[in-house]
Amino acid sequence: MPRKTRSIVLTLIGSLVVAIISGGCAKSPETKLLKARLDDRTIQFLAAPDRVEVFRITTEITVGKQKSLPKVPVAKPLDTALAGRLSQIILNDKSYEWNTVKQCIINPGVGYRFWRGKESITVLVCFQCNEIGILPDITESQKMKILECDPARGALLELTKQALPDDQHIRELTVNSRARQWQNPPPLCQPTLALWPS
């Protein structure tokens, strides 16, 4: 084999070995703290769903006069790439503040549903207080796990803008802004089935 050809082959082999080693050493999101808060079923749904859907939670708000937030009438599928990114964000301990307790009621405007077969769990996102609520069963709201997601606000907001590109209210949000404050927060700690798209 000519010296030049041999050199090229060795370079390609070396690059392939580095790529394999780097891929093998890639770390999964750190979930030690999350695993202390969430059960195994919830972790499995978040890590490996069959599909993920996004939906907008709508309610009347009062800002001078009655207005409605933009509506997404039904849940819509989230593409595979966005679903994978969402799982990575939610399942990373670094997405959360663990030593903070906020004196506010979660008031989500966006929901993501993670499906496995005919079962699902729901992740609610509140951009007003930077919180997410993980709901293993929408009929048992008392089991909702609320996490402070300030460190992940930017990543969640970017992803949500891609998931709901036609939603003006979501488009107007920035990393440093907050969603409009409800003057009369809906009782989302006791959600009814009518609130959730089927």
Protein backbone atom coordinates (compact mmCIF):
# COMPACT_ATOMS: atom_id res chain seq x y z
CA MET A 1 0.00 0.00 0.00
CA PRO A 2 1.43 3.40 -0.95
CA ARG A 3 2.59 5.53 1.98
CA LYS A 4 0.08 8.32 1.20
CA THR A 5 -2.86 5.90 1.03
CA ARG A 6 -1.73 4.21 4.25
CA SER A 7 -1.62 7.59 5.99
CA ILE A 8 -5.13 8.44 4.88
CA VAL A 9 -6.47 5.06 6.03
CA LEU A 10 -4.78 5.40 9.45
CA THR A 11 -6.21 8.92 9.84
CA LEU A 12 -9.72 7.69 9.05
CA ILE A 13 -9.39 4.77 11.46
CA GLY A 14 -8.13 7.11 14.17
CA SER A 15 -11.06 9.48 13.65
CA LEU A 16 -13.50 6.57 13.79
CA VAL A 17 -12.01 5.30 17.07
CA VAL A 18 -12.22 8.78 18.63
CA ALA A 19 -15.84 9.12 17.53
CA ILE A 20 -16.74 5.74 19.00
CA ILE A 21 -15.01 6.48 22.28
CA SER A 22 -16.58 9.94 22.53
CA GLY A 23 -20.04 8.55 21.84
CA GLY A 24 -19.58 5.82 24.39
CA CYS A 25 -18.51 8.32 27.02
CA ALA A 26 -21.42 10.70 26.44
CA LYS A 27 -23.19 11.22 29.73
CA SER A 28 -26.91 10.81 30.25
CA PRO A 29 -28.68 13.59 32.13
CA GLU A 30 -28.07 13.45 35.88
CA THR A 31 -31.31 12.30 37.49
CA LYS A 32 -30.28 11.40 41.04
CA LEU A 33 -32.35 14.16 42.65
CA LEU A 34 -35.29 13.62 40.30
CA LYS A 35 -35.41 9.94 41.11
CA ALA A 36 -35.93 10.87 44.75
CA ARG A 37 -39.03 12.85 43.74
CA LEU A 38 -40.54 10.81 40.90
CA ASP A 39 -41.55 7.17 40.75
CA ASP A 40 -40.02 4.70 38.30
CA ARG A 41 -43.06 4.71 36.01
CA THR A 42 -42.89 8.47 35.57
CA ILE A 43 -39.16 8.37 34.84
CA GLN A 44 -39.74 5.66 32.22
CA PHE A 45 -42.49 7.66 30.51
CA LEU A 46 -40.29 10.77 30.40
CA ALA A 47 -37.22 8.87 29.19
CA ALA A 48 -38.75 6.66 26.51
CA PRO A 49 -42.23 7.70 25.39
CA ASP A 50 -43.88 6.21 22.32
CA ARG A 51 -44.95 9.72 21.38
CA VAL A 52 -45.30 13.19 22.88
CA GLU A 53 -48.04 15.75 22.33
CA VAL A 54 -48.17 19.47 23.08
CA PHE A 55 -51.25 21.47 23.95
CA ARG A 56 -52.11 24.97 25.07
CA ILE A 57 -54.03 25.47 28.30
CA THR A 58 -56.49 28.31 27.78
CA THR A 59 -58.55 30.35 30.21
CA GLU A 60 -60.07 33.79 30.43
CA ILE A 61 -57.92 36.51 31.92
CA THR A 62 -58.74 40.06 32.97
CA VAL A 63 -56.34 42.77 31.85
CA GLY A 64 -58.49 45.88 31.67
CA LYS A 65 -61.15 43.85 29.88
CA GLN A 66 -61.87 40.21 29.21
CA LYS A 67 -59.46 38.56 26.80
CA SER A 68 -58.67 35.01 25.83
CA LEU A 69 -55.25 33.55 25.36
CA PRO A 70 -54.60 32.14 21.89
CA LYS A 71 -56.13 28.68 21.61
CA VAL A 72 -54.82 25.39 20.37
CA PRO A 73 -58.08 23.38 20.30
CA VAL A 74 -56.50 19.93 20.51
CA ALA A 75 -53.17 18.40 21.40
CA LYS A 76 -50.81 18.08 18.49
CA PRO A 77 -47.90 15.67 17.98
CA LEU A 78 -44.41 16.82 18.86
CA ASP A 79 -41.79 15.77 16.35
CA THR A 80 -39.21 13.21 17.44
CA ALA A 81 -36.31 15.65 17.68
CA LEU A 82 -38.20 18.08 19.91
CA ALA A 83 -39.57 15.24 22.02
CA GLY A 84 -36.04 13.96 22.59
CA ARG A 85 -34.81 17.42 23.59
CA LEU A 86 -37.76 17.85 25.95
CA SER A 87 -36.96 14.55 27.67
CA GLN A 88 -33.34 15.61 28.08
CA ILE A 89 -34.36 18.91 29.68
CA ILE A 90 -36.95 17.46 32.03
CA LEU A 91 -34.76 14.56 33.13
CA ASN A 92 -31.75 16.69 34.01
CA ASP A 93 -31.27 17.60 37.68
CA LYS A 94 -29.52 20.78 36.54
CA SER A 95 -32.80 22.03 35.06
CA TYR A 96 -34.12 22.71 38.55
CA GLU A 97 -33.52 24.71 41.69
CA TRP A 98 -33.62 22.30 44.59
CA ASN A 99 -33.35 24.66 47.54
CA THR A 100 -36.11 27.09 46.58
CA VAL A 101 -39.79 27.08 47.48
CA LYS A 102 -41.88 29.72 45.72
CA GLN A 103 -44.93 31.27 47.29
CA CYS A 104 -47.07 31.02 44.20
CA ILE A 105 -49.62 28.69 42.64
CA ILE A 106 -48.57 26.99 39.46
CA ASN A 107 -50.58 28.44 36.60
CA PRO A 108 -49.45 26.57 33.46
CA GLY A 109 -50.11 27.77 29.96
CA VAL A 110 -48.59 24.82 28.09
CA GLY A 111 -48.80 21.08 28.55
CA TYR A 112 -46.86 18.15 27.17
CA ARG A 113 -48.27 14.65 27.27
CA PHE A 114 -45.92 11.64 27.21
CA TRP A 115 -47.55 8.46 25.93
CA ARG A 116 -46.63 4.80 26.29
CA GLY A 117 -49.29 2.68 24.71
CA LYS A 118 -52.68 3.91 25.95
CA GLU A 119 -51.29 5.44 29.14
CA SER A 120 -49.79 8.86 29.59
CA ILE A 121 -48.36 11.35 32.03
CA THR A 122 -48.67 15.11 31.69
CA VAL A 123 -46.03 17.79 32.16
CA LEU A 124 -47.39 21.30 32.72
CA VAL A 125 -45.19 24.34 32.14
CA CYS A 126 -45.75 27.69 33.87
CA PHE A 127 -43.67 30.50 32.37
CA GLN A 128 -45.04 32.95 34.93
CA CYS A 129 -43.26 31.40 37.91
CA ASN A 130 -40.86 29.09 36.05
CA GLU A 131 -42.36 25.89 37.37
CA ILE A 132 -43.31 22.58 35.88
CA GLY A 133 -45.89 20.22 37.27
CA ILE A 134 -45.52 16.52 36.56
CA LEU A 135 -48.87 14.79 36.73
CA PRO A 136 -48.86 10.98 36.55
CA ASP A 137 -52.67 10.91 36.35
CA ILE A 138 -54.80 13.91 35.39
CA THR A 139 -57.64 12.62 37.58
CA GLU A 140 -55.41 12.69 40.69
CA SER A 141 -54.07 16.22 40.81
CA GLN A 142 -52.95 15.85 44.42
CA LYS A 143 -50.12 13.67 43.10
CA MET A 144 -48.69 16.48 40.98
CA LYS A 145 -44.96 17.02 41.56
CA ILE A 146 -44.03 20.68 41.20
CA LEU A 147 -40.43 21.58 40.37
CA GLU A 148 -38.75 24.99 40.11
CA CYS A 149 -37.30 25.08 36.58
CA ASP A 150 -35.65 28.53 36.50
CA PRO A 151 -32.32 27.18 35.11
CA ALA A 152 -34.17 25.55 32.20
CA ARG A 153 -36.47 28.47 31.33
CA GLY A 154 -34.49 29.42 28.22
CA ALA A 155 -34.34 25.88 26.87
CA LEU A 156 -38.02 25.17 27.63
CA LEU A 157 -39.13 28.45 26.11
CA GLU A 158 -37.11 27.92 22.92
CA LEU A 159 -38.53 24.43 22.56
CA THR A 160 -42.09 25.58 23.25
CA LYS A 161 -41.80 28.33 20.63
CA GLN A 162 -40.82 25.67 18.10
CA ALA A 163 -43.65 23.41 19.26
CA LEU A 164 -46.25 26.19 19.04
CA PRO A 165 -44.90 28.53 16.34
CA ASP A 166 -48.24 30.21 15.66
CA ASP A 167 -48.97 31.13 19.27
CA GLN A 168 -48.50 34.88 19.59
CA HIS A 169 -48.46 34.88 23.38
CA ILE A 170 -45.68 32.28 23.49
CA ARG A 171 -43.73 34.10 20.77
CA GLU A 172 -43.76 37.30 22.82
CA LEU A 173 -42.12 35.68 25.84
CA THR A 174 -38.39 36.08 26.34
CA VAL A 175 -35.88 34.46 28.65
CA ASN A 176 -36.13 37.42 31.03
CA SER A 177 -39.84 38.16 30.67
CA ARG A 178 -42.73 36.55 32.45
CA ALA A 179 -46.08 35.39 31.19
CA ARG A 180 -48.99 37.67 31.95
CA GLN A 181 -50.13 37.23 35.53
CA TRP A 182 -53.66 35.90 35.94
CA GLN A 183 -55.69 38.17 38.19
CA ASN A 184 -57.94 35.23 39.03
CA PRO A 185 -55.82 32.08 38.75
CA PRO A 186 -57.85 29.04 37.69
CA PRO A 187 -57.92 26.16 40.20
CA LEU A 188 -55.37 24.08 38.34
CA CYS A 189 -54.42 22.22 41.48
CA GLN A 190 -57.76 20.50 41.03
CA PRO A 191 -58.00 20.12 37.25
CA THR A 192 -61.12 18.79 35.63
CA LEU A 193 -61.18 16.49 32.66
CA ALA A 194 -62.76 19.27 30.58
CA LEU A 195 -59.47 21.17 30.75
CA TRP A 196 -57.44 18.47 29.06
CA PRO A 197 -57.52 17.56 25.37
CA SER A 198 -58.27 13.92 24.75
